[in-house]
Amino acid sequence: MRSNYKRIGSCIRQINVKNTEGKYDLLLGININKYFMPSVANIVGTDLTRYKVVKKNQFACNRMHVGRDYRIPMALSDSESPFIVSPAYTVFEIIDESNLLPEYLMMWFSRAEFDRETWFHTDADVRGGLPWDLFCDIELPIPSIKKQQEIVNEYNTITNRIALNEKLNQKLEETAQAVYKHWFVDFEFPDNDGKPYKSSGGKMIYNEELDDEIPEGWEDAKLSELLEVKYGKDYKHLKSGDIPLYGSGGIMGYYDKALYEKPSILIPRKGSLDNILFVDEPFWSVDTMFYTIINNESYTNYLFHFLKKIDYYSLNVGSAVPSMTTKVLNDITILLPSSNTLGNFEALTSKMLRIVKQNDRQQFSLIELASTILSKMSKEETKTVVV
């Protein structure tokens, strides 16, 4: 064994406290990305006294499907209030926190290399379970408590900034969506006097195509009249560069060529159909994404928010895997507001979108930096990364 490495099993002990008195009813599961989340299990009529209790600084993991998922769902509780988890989960805690910090151990569990090692130790079961004794045999480096705290603090600085960016983006997107709904669903956009249009007596006309009343002077159109939907392309031939590559989850990396250089709205065509992205810089998108050529840039923000509110799963033309086609998108009927209202909406929401995009680019760099810190944990001397 390497000098500063120890077996996980020498540092932890299992905890098997059941909810025998039925004191706790908050049931949580473990996300594959290693955090506790509300359980999706139907617990109506379930005897919760058999479930295991998790307290602050205790861990829970699901060792049953590691071989199938190539990851071990694992989470550390930072909650002051105890909760319960499935009786099939393993709950454990650190024996001596003066020698090993829970946050440091959780960082080790978060490493991609750790998941690969646990997968290697899985058994022959079809789901690939991870036996407890083999889990305990995995080693990790344990520097001084002072060094552990430095590493944890450095990592938390980055992850806290990531979380802050996510909250800011969510707030900005919610605000923009609320403005969109107020103006183009409730029709309470400012009239010529700055008053809400519909509630101030603005004239409404029935539109047969939309089967709804819309403000006088507004029209309807097919989505294909406002933008052209194009397929993304394979990127494996590209080299490293500074052009962002987009998939359905956002930026996947940076490469040397752009597929398109003008503002565009990206729409997933397989899998997660509802993650609509707006890009206002040269980019490349993968072949499981659509990108769009917008005919009139004054419609950009309006189109983006219109496309975000669509229930794509109800339009799904796939079977097991949700999918989308250009024909389905092109045939969508869209409300066409007056140019003056569109211009006002564009001016109001453009700054919000720019901030969201800046945060998205920063997020990619921060996530890479956090990953670098995790990968350096295997070295005896971990240098501090300045953020």
Protein backbone atom coordinates (compact mmCIF):
# COMPACT_ATOMS: atom_id res chain seq x y z
CA MET A 1 0.00 0.00 0.00
CA ARG A 2 1.29 3.45 -0.88
CA SER A 3 2.57 5.43 2.13
CA ASN A 4 -0.30 7.88 2.52
CA TYR A 5 -3.06 5.56 1.24
CA LYS A 6 -5.50 3.68 3.46
CA ARG A 7 -8.30 1.20 2.87
CA ILE A 8 -11.71 2.83 2.87
CA GLY A 9 -12.84 0.05 5.19
CA SER A 10 -10.37 1.13 7.87
CA CYS A 11 -11.93 4.60 7.96
CA ILE A 12 -15.68 3.91 7.89
CA ARG A 13 -18.32 1.80 9.59
CA GLN A 14 -21.79 0.75 8.50
CA ILE A 15 -24.82 2.29 10.19
CA ASN A 16 -28.05 0.32 10.29
CA VAL A 17 -30.51 2.51 12.17
CA LYS A 18 -34.09 1.72 11.15
CA ASN A 19 -37.03 4.10 11.31
CA THR A 20 -38.66 1.72 13.79
CA GLU A 21 -40.78 4.33 15.55
CA GLY A 22 -41.94 5.88 12.27
CA LYS A 23 -40.47 9.18 13.39
CA TYR A 24 -39.25 10.23 9.92
CA ASP A 25 -41.29 10.39 6.73
CA LEU A 26 -38.99 12.29 4.34
CA LEU A 27 -37.85 9.62 1.87
CA LEU A 28 -34.92 10.47 -0.39
CA GLY A 29 -33.19 8.62 -3.18
CA ILE A 30 -29.72 9.05 -4.66
CA ASN A 31 -29.16 10.63 -8.04
CA ILE A 32 -26.63 9.05 -10.39
CA ASN A 33 -24.75 12.37 -10.14
CA LYS A 34 -24.26 11.76 -6.41
CA TYR A 35 -26.68 13.87 -4.47
CA PHE A 36 -29.82 13.14 -2.47
CA MET A 37 -33.12 13.84 -4.22
CA PRO A 38 -36.84 13.31 -3.49
CA SER A 39 -37.69 9.67 -4.03
CA VAL A 40 -39.90 8.78 -7.00
CA ALA A 41 -41.12 5.61 -5.30
CA ASN A 42 -44.81 5.25 -4.53
CA ILE A 43 -44.88 4.85 -0.74
CA VAL A 44 -48.66 4.75 -0.29
CA GLY A 45 -49.31 1.87 2.08
CA THR A 46 -45.58 1.24 2.54
CA ASP A 47 -44.20 0.35 5.96
CA LEU A 48 -41.62 3.12 6.46
CA THR A 49 -40.40 1.61 9.74
CA ARG A 50 -38.18 -0.74 7.68
CA TYR A 51 -36.38 2.17 6.03
CA LYS A 52 -32.92 3.35 7.09
CA VAL A 53 -32.26 6.66 8.82
CA VAL A 54 -29.53 8.98 7.53
CA LYS A 55 -28.13 11.78 9.70
CA LYS A 56 -25.80 14.69 8.99
CA ASN A 57 -22.32 13.70 7.74
CA GLN A 58 -23.48 10.16 7.00
CA PHE A 59 -23.24 8.57 3.57
CA ALA A 60 -25.69 6.40 1.66
CA CYS A 61 -24.98 4.42 -1.48
CA ASN A 62 -26.67 1.99 -3.82
CA ARG A 63 -24.25 -0.87 -4.50
CA MET A 64 -26.71 -2.95 -6.55
CA HIS A 65 -26.36 -1.56 -10.10
CA VAL A 66 -22.74 -0.42 -10.39
CA GLY A 67 -21.92 -2.83 -13.21
CA ARG A 68 -24.97 -1.76 -15.19
CA ASP A 69 -24.63 1.99 -14.65
CA TYR A 70 -20.83 2.24 -14.62
CA ARG A 71 -21.23 4.54 -11.61
CA ILE A 72 -22.01 4.07 -7.95
CA PRO A 73 -24.80 6.35 -6.71
CA MET A 74 -23.38 7.87 -3.54
CA ALA A 75 -24.28 10.93 -1.46
CA LEU A 76 -23.27 12.70 1.73
CA SER A 77 -25.94 14.29 3.94
CA ASP A 78 -25.39 17.91 4.98
CA SER A 79 -28.91 18.19 6.40
CA GLU A 80 -29.44 19.01 10.06
CA SER A 81 -32.67 16.99 9.93
CA PRO A 82 -32.52 13.19 9.58
CA PHE A 83 -34.37 11.50 6.71
CA ILE A 84 -34.90 7.97 5.46
CA VAL A 85 -33.65 5.98 2.48
CA SER A 86 -34.41 2.60 0.96
CA PRO A 87 -33.57 -0.43 3.15
CA ALA A 88 -31.57 -1.68 0.15
CA TYR A 89 -29.10 1.21 0.48
CA THR A 90 -25.92 1.00 2.51
CA VAL A 91 -25.52 3.75 5.12
CA PHE A 92 -22.13 4.42 6.68
CA GLU A 93 -20.11 7.09 8.46
CA ILE A 94 -16.49 8.00 9.10
CA ILE A 95 -15.08 6.47 12.28
CA ASP A 96 -12.85 9.40 13.21
CA GLU A 97 -13.51 12.78 11.58
CA SER A 98 -10.34 14.17 13.16
CA ASN A 99 -8.43 12.01 10.66
CA LEU A 100 -10.74 12.09 7.63
CA LEU A 101 -13.23 14.80 6.68
CA PRO A 102 -16.62 13.66 5.28
CA GLU A 103 -16.43 16.33 2.54
CA TYR A 104 -12.96 15.11 1.50
CA LEU A 105 -14.16 11.51 1.29
CA MET A 106 -17.19 12.59 -0.76
CA MET A 107 -14.85 14.39 -3.15
CA TRP A 108 -12.97 11.11 -3.60
CA PHE A 109 -16.23 9.30 -4.29
CA SER A 110 -17.06 11.95 -6.92
CA ARG A 111 -14.03 11.16 -9.08
CA ALA A 112 -14.58 9.43 -12.42
CA GLU A 113 -11.59 7.24 -11.56
CA PHE A 114 -13.35 6.02 -8.42
CA ASP A 115 -16.40 4.98 -10.44
CA ARG A 116 -14.17 3.06 -12.84
CA GLU A 117 -12.50 1.27 -9.93
CA THR A 118 -15.81 0.31 -8.32
CA TRP A 119 -17.05 -0.98 -11.68
CA PHE A 120 -13.93 -3.18 -11.91
CA HIS A 121 -14.82 -4.79 -8.56
CA THR A 122 -18.45 -5.58 -9.40
CA ASP A 123 -19.71 -9.18 -9.18
CA ALA A 124 -21.13 -11.47 -11.86
CA ASP A 125 -24.75 -10.55 -11.19
CA VAL A 126 -26.60 -9.24 -14.27
CA ARG A 127 -26.86 -5.81 -12.63
CA GLY A 128 -23.27 -5.84 -11.42
CA GLY A 129 -23.47 -5.40 -7.65
CA LEU A 130 -20.52 -4.17 -5.62
CA PRO A 131 -19.79 -6.38 -2.58
CA TRP A 132 -19.20 -4.45 0.64
CA ASP A 133 -15.84 -6.10 1.38
CA LEU A 134 -14.50 -5.18 -2.08
CA PHE A 135 -15.75 -1.62 -1.66
CA CYS A 136 -13.91 -1.46 1.65
CA ASP A 137 -10.70 -2.72 0.00
CA ILE A 138 -10.51 0.34 -2.28
CA GLU A 139 -7.77 2.71 -1.16
CA LEU A 140 -7.60 6.47 -0.98
CA PRO A 141 -4.88 8.99 -0.05
CA ILE A 142 -5.35 10.65 3.32
CA PRO A 143 -3.18 13.73 3.80
CA SER A 144 -3.20 15.81 6.98
CA ILE A 145 -6.51 17.28 8.15
CA LYS A 146 -5.15 20.73 7.32
CA LYS A 147 -4.40 19.65 3.75
CA GLN A 148 -7.79 17.95 3.43
CA GLN A 149 -9.52 21.16 4.53
CA GLU A 150 -7.54 23.20 2.00
CA ILE A 151 -8.59 20.86 -0.79
CA VAL A 152 -12.24 20.89 0.36
CA ASN A 153 -12.26 24.70 0.61
CA GLU A 154 -10.74 25.05 -2.85
CA TYR A 155 -13.28 22.65 -4.35
CA ASN A 156 -16.21 24.29 -2.56
CA THR A 157 -15.19 27.73 -3.81
CA ILE A 158 -15.62 26.47 -7.36
CA THR A 159 -18.77 24.37 -6.82
CA ASN A 160 -20.42 27.23 -4.91
CA ARG A 161 -19.75 29.54 -7.85
CA ILE A 162 -21.20 26.93 -10.21
CA ALA A 163 -24.33 26.72 -8.05
CA LEU A 164 -24.57 30.53 -7.92
CA ASN A 165 -24.37 30.77 -11.70
CA GLU A 166 -27.06 28.11 -12.04
CA LYS A 167 -29.38 30.01 -9.68
CA LEU A 168 -28.75 33.29 -11.48
CA ASN A 169 -29.45 31.72 -14.86
CA GLN A 170 -32.61 30.10 -13.55
CA LYS A 171 -33.83 33.42 -12.15
CA LEU A 172 -33.08 35.29 -15.39
CA GLU A 173 -34.78 32.62 -17.49
CA GLU A 174 -37.82 32.58 -15.20
CA THR A 175 -38.06 36.37 -15.41
CA ALA A 176 -37.84 36.35 -19.21
CA GLN A 177 -40.44 33.57 -19.43
CA ALA A 178 -42.74 35.53 -17.11
CA VAL A 179 -42.45 38.59 -19.36
CA TYR A 180 -43.13 36.40 -22.41
CA LYS A 181 -46.29 34.95 -20.79
CA HIS A 182 -47.50 38.37 -19.63
CA TRP A 183 -47.09 39.87 -23.09
CA PHE A 184 -47.87 37.05 -25.52
CA VAL A 185 -50.17 34.70 -23.60
CA ASP A 186 -52.06 37.09 -21.31
CA PHE A 187 -51.72 39.91 -23.91
CA GLU A 188 -50.85 42.46 -21.22
CA PHE A 189 -47.94 44.01 -23.13
CA PRO A 190 -47.64 47.81 -22.77
CA ASP A 191 -49.97 49.69 -25.12
CA ASN A 192 -49.16 53.12 -26.59
CA ASP A 193 -49.87 54.69 -23.21
CA GLY A 194 -47.76 52.16 -21.30
CA LYS A 195 -50.83 50.41 -19.88
CA PRO A 196 -51.47 46.62 -20.03
CA TYR A 197 -53.16 46.06 -23.41
CA LYS A 198 -55.96 43.57 -22.77
CA SER A 199 -57.09 44.70 -19.32
CA SER A 200 -57.09 48.32 -20.55
CA GLY A 201 -59.62 47.51 -23.25
CA GLY A 202 -57.29 46.69 -26.15
CA LYS A 203 -59.24 45.30 -29.09
CA MET A 204 -59.09 41.50 -29.55
CA ILE A 205 -59.87 39.67 -32.82
CA TYR A 206 -60.67 35.96 -33.20
CA ASN A 207 -58.01 34.03 -35.15
CA GLU A 208 -59.30 30.84 -36.71
CA GLU A 209 -55.88 29.20 -37.17
CA LEU A 210 -54.94 29.70 -33.52
CA ASP A 211 -58.52 29.19 -32.31
CA ASP A 212 -58.10 32.10 -29.97
CA GLU A 213 -58.60 35.83 -29.70
CA ILE A 214 -55.45 37.85 -30.40
CA PRO A 215 -54.70 41.58 -30.36
CA GLU A 216 -55.88 43.54 -33.37
CA GLY A 217 -53.19 43.74 -36.04
CA TRP A 218 -51.41 40.56 -34.94
CA GLU A 219 -51.25 37.53 -37.25
CA ASP A 220 -50.33 33.86 -37.35
CA ALA A 221 -47.55 32.12 -39.28
CA LYS A 222 -45.92 28.74 -39.67
CA LEU A 223 -42.62 28.35 -37.86
CA SER A 224 -40.97 27.57 -41.22
CA GLU A 225 -41.75 31.13 -42.35
CA LEU A 226 -39.61 32.58 -39.56
CA LEU A 227 -36.66 30.23 -39.37
CA GLU A 228 -34.99 27.32 -41.15
CA VAL A 229 -34.29 24.16 -39.14
CA LYS A 230 -30.93 22.50 -39.93
CA TYR A 231 -29.26 19.33 -38.72
CA GLY A 232 -26.12 19.51 -36.59
CA LYS A 233 -23.09 17.56 -37.75
CA ASP A 234 -20.54 15.09 -36.43
CA TYR A 235 -17.56 16.78 -34.77
CA LYS A 236 -15.03 13.94 -34.49
CA HIS A 237 -12.85 15.38 -37.26
CA LEU A 238 -12.49 18.73 -35.46
CA LYS A 239 -9.41 19.80 -33.52
CA SER A 240 -9.18 21.60 -30.20
CA GLY A 241 -9.89 25.33 -30.40
CA ASP A 242 -12.04 28.10 -28.94
CA ILE A 243 -15.37 27.51 -30.77
CA PRO A 244 -17.99 26.02 -28.41
CA LEU A 245 -19.52 22.65 -29.30
CA TYR A 246 -23.12 22.23 -28.16
CA GLY A 247 -25.07 19.12 -27.27
CA SER A 248 -28.44 18.86 -25.58
CA GLY A 249 -26.84 19.47 -22.19
CA GLY A 250 -24.99 22.62 -23.23
CA ILE A 251 -21.32 23.16 -24.04
CA MET A 252 -19.44 19.87 -24.53
CA GLY A 253 -16.03 21.31 -25.41
CA TYR A 254 -14.23 23.79 -27.64
CA TYR A 255 -13.03 23.10 -31.19
CA ASP A 256 -11.39 24.83 -34.14
CA LYS A 257 -14.29 25.29 -36.57
CA ALA A 258 -17.78 26.78 -36.55
CA LEU A 259 -20.80 25.16 -38.15
CA TYR A 260 -22.72 28.46 -38.02
CA GLU A 261 -21.67 31.95 -36.95
CA LYS A 262 -24.89 33.94 -36.44
CA PRO A 263 -27.37 33.87 -33.51
CA SER A 264 -29.26 30.60 -33.47
CA ILE A 265 -31.69 28.55 -31.43
CA LEU A 266 -30.66 24.93 -30.80
CA ILE A 267 -33.28 22.20 -30.44
CA PRO A 268 -32.49 18.60 -29.37
CA ARG A 269 -33.83 16.07 -31.86
CA LYS A 270 -33.35 12.95 -29.72
CA GLY A 271 -33.61 12.11 -26.04
CA SER A 272 -34.04 15.22 -23.86
CA LEU A 273 -36.17 17.28 -26.23
CA ASP A 274 -36.97 20.21 -23.96
CA ASN A 275 -33.52 21.75 -23.41
CA ILE A 276 -33.77 24.63 -25.89
CA LEU A 277 -30.57 26.69 -26.13
CA PHE A 278 -29.83 30.14 -27.49
CA VAL A 279 -26.38 30.83 -29.00
CA ASP A 280 -25.18 34.27 -30.09
CA GLU A 281 -21.61 33.39 -31.14
CA PRO A 282 -19.95 31.10 -33.72
CA PHE A 283 -20.59 27.47 -32.71
CA TRP A 284 -20.78 23.83 -33.75
CA SER A 285 -23.71 21.62 -32.77
CA VAL A 286 -23.69 17.82 -32.62
CA ASP A 287 -25.71 15.69 -35.02
CA THR A 288 -28.36 14.92 -32.38
CA MET A 289 -29.27 18.63 -32.33
CA PHE A 290 -31.05 20.97 -34.72
CA TYR A 291 -29.74 24.46 -35.17
CA THR A 292 -31.75 27.23 -36.79
CA ILE A 293 -31.21 30.00 -39.31
CA ILE A 294 -33.41 32.90 -38.20
CA ASN A 295 -34.88 34.85 -41.12
CA ASN A 296 -35.33 38.10 -39.19
CA GLU A 297 -33.17 38.78 -36.12
CA SER A 298 -35.86 41.00 -34.61
CA TYR A 299 -37.77 37.76 -33.89
CA THR A 300 -34.83 36.04 -32.15
CA ASN A 301 -35.76 36.36 -28.45
CA TYR A 302 -39.45 35.90 -29.15
CA LEU A 303 -38.79 32.71 -31.10
CA PHE A 304 -36.49 31.41 -28.38
CA HIS A 305 -39.10 31.82 -25.66
CA PHE A 306 -41.87 30.50 -27.90
CA LEU A 307 -39.83 27.36 -28.58
CA LYS A 308 -39.01 26.94 -24.88
CA LYS A 309 -42.69 26.71 -23.89
CA ILE A 310 -43.61 23.93 -26.33
CA ASP A 311 -44.29 20.45 -24.93
CA TYR A 312 -42.03 18.53 -27.31
CA TYR A 313 -42.74 15.18 -25.70
CA SER A 314 -46.37 15.47 -26.77
CA LEU A 315 -45.06 15.93 -30.34
CA ASN A 316 -42.62 13.03 -30.00
CA VAL A 317 -42.46 10.94 -33.18
CA GLY A 318 -40.11 8.32 -31.77
CA SER A 319 -40.85 5.15 -29.86
CA ALA A 320 -38.53 4.12 -27.01
CA VAL A 321 -36.29 7.16 -27.52
CA PRO A 322 -38.10 10.53 -27.85
CA SER A 323 -37.29 12.19 -31.17
CA MET A 324 -38.21 15.20 -33.26
CA THR A 325 -38.30 15.90 -37.02
CA THR A 326 -38.02 19.04 -39.11
CA LYS A 327 -41.52 18.47 -40.50
CA VAL A 328 -43.09 18.52 -37.03
CA LEU A 329 -41.25 21.73 -36.17
CA ASN A 330 -41.97 23.45 -39.48
CA ASP A 331 -45.71 22.78 -39.20
CA ILE A 332 -46.07 24.48 -35.81
CA THR A 333 -48.32 27.56 -35.96
CA ILE A 334 -46.95 30.60 -34.17
CA LEU A 335 -48.51 33.90 -33.10
CA LEU A 336 -46.94 36.85 -34.93
CA PRO A 337 -47.06 40.03 -32.81
CA SER A 338 -46.66 43.57 -34.13
CA SER A 339 -43.12 44.68 -34.99
CA ASN A 340 -43.26 47.41 -32.34
CA THR A 341 -44.11 44.93 -29.57
CA LEU A 342 -41.44 42.52 -30.77
CA GLY A 343 -38.84 45.29 -30.73
CA ASN A 344 -39.73 46.23 -27.17
CA PHE A 345 -39.56 42.59 -26.06
CA GLU A 346 -36.19 42.15 -27.79
CA ALA A 347 -34.74 45.19 -26.00
CA LEU A 348 -36.07 44.03 -22.63
CA THR A 349 -34.80 40.44 -22.79
CA SER A 350 -31.55 40.71 -24.79
CA LYS A 351 -29.44 41.65 -21.78
CA MET A 352 -30.84 38.71 -19.80
CA LEU A 353 -29.90 36.26 -22.55
CA ARG A 354 -26.40 37.70 -22.85
CA ILE A 355 -25.78 37.19 -19.13
CA VAL A 356 -27.08 33.62 -19.32
CA LYS A 357 -24.71 32.86 -22.19
CA GLN A 358 -21.74 34.39 -20.36
CA ASN A 359 -22.54 32.25 -17.34
CA ASP A 360 -22.83 29.14 -19.52
CA ARG A 361 -19.35 29.68 -20.90
CA GLN A 362 -17.96 30.26 -17.41
CA GLN A 363 -19.74 27.14 -16.14
CA PHE A 364 -17.84 24.93 -18.56
CA SER A 365 -14.49 26.31 -17.35
CA LEU A 366 -15.50 25.97 -13.69
CA ILE A 367 -16.67 22.36 -14.15
CA GLU A 368 -13.36 21.51 -15.82
CA LEU A 369 -11.48 23.17 -12.97
CA ALA A 370 -13.47 21.21 -10.37
CA SER A 371 -12.73 18.00 -12.29
CA THR A 372 -9.02 18.88 -12.29
CA ILE A 373 -9.03 19.26 -8.51
CA LEU A 374 -10.70 15.85 -8.12
CA SER A 375 -8.18 14.19 -10.43
CA LYS A 376 -5.26 15.71 -8.47
CA MET A 377 -6.43 14.08 -5.23
CA SER A 378 -4.54 10.92 -6.14
CA LYS A 379 -1.25 12.81 -5.91
CA GLU A 380 0.49 13.04 -2.58
CA GLU A 381 0.98 16.79 -2.96
CA THR A 382 -2.08 18.65 -4.26
CA LYS A 383 -1.34 22.23 -5.27
CA THR A 384 -3.94 24.90 -4.71
CA VAL A 385 -5.71 26.11 -7.86
CA VAL A 386 -6.31 29.86 -7.80
CA VAL A 387 -9.86 30.82 -8.91
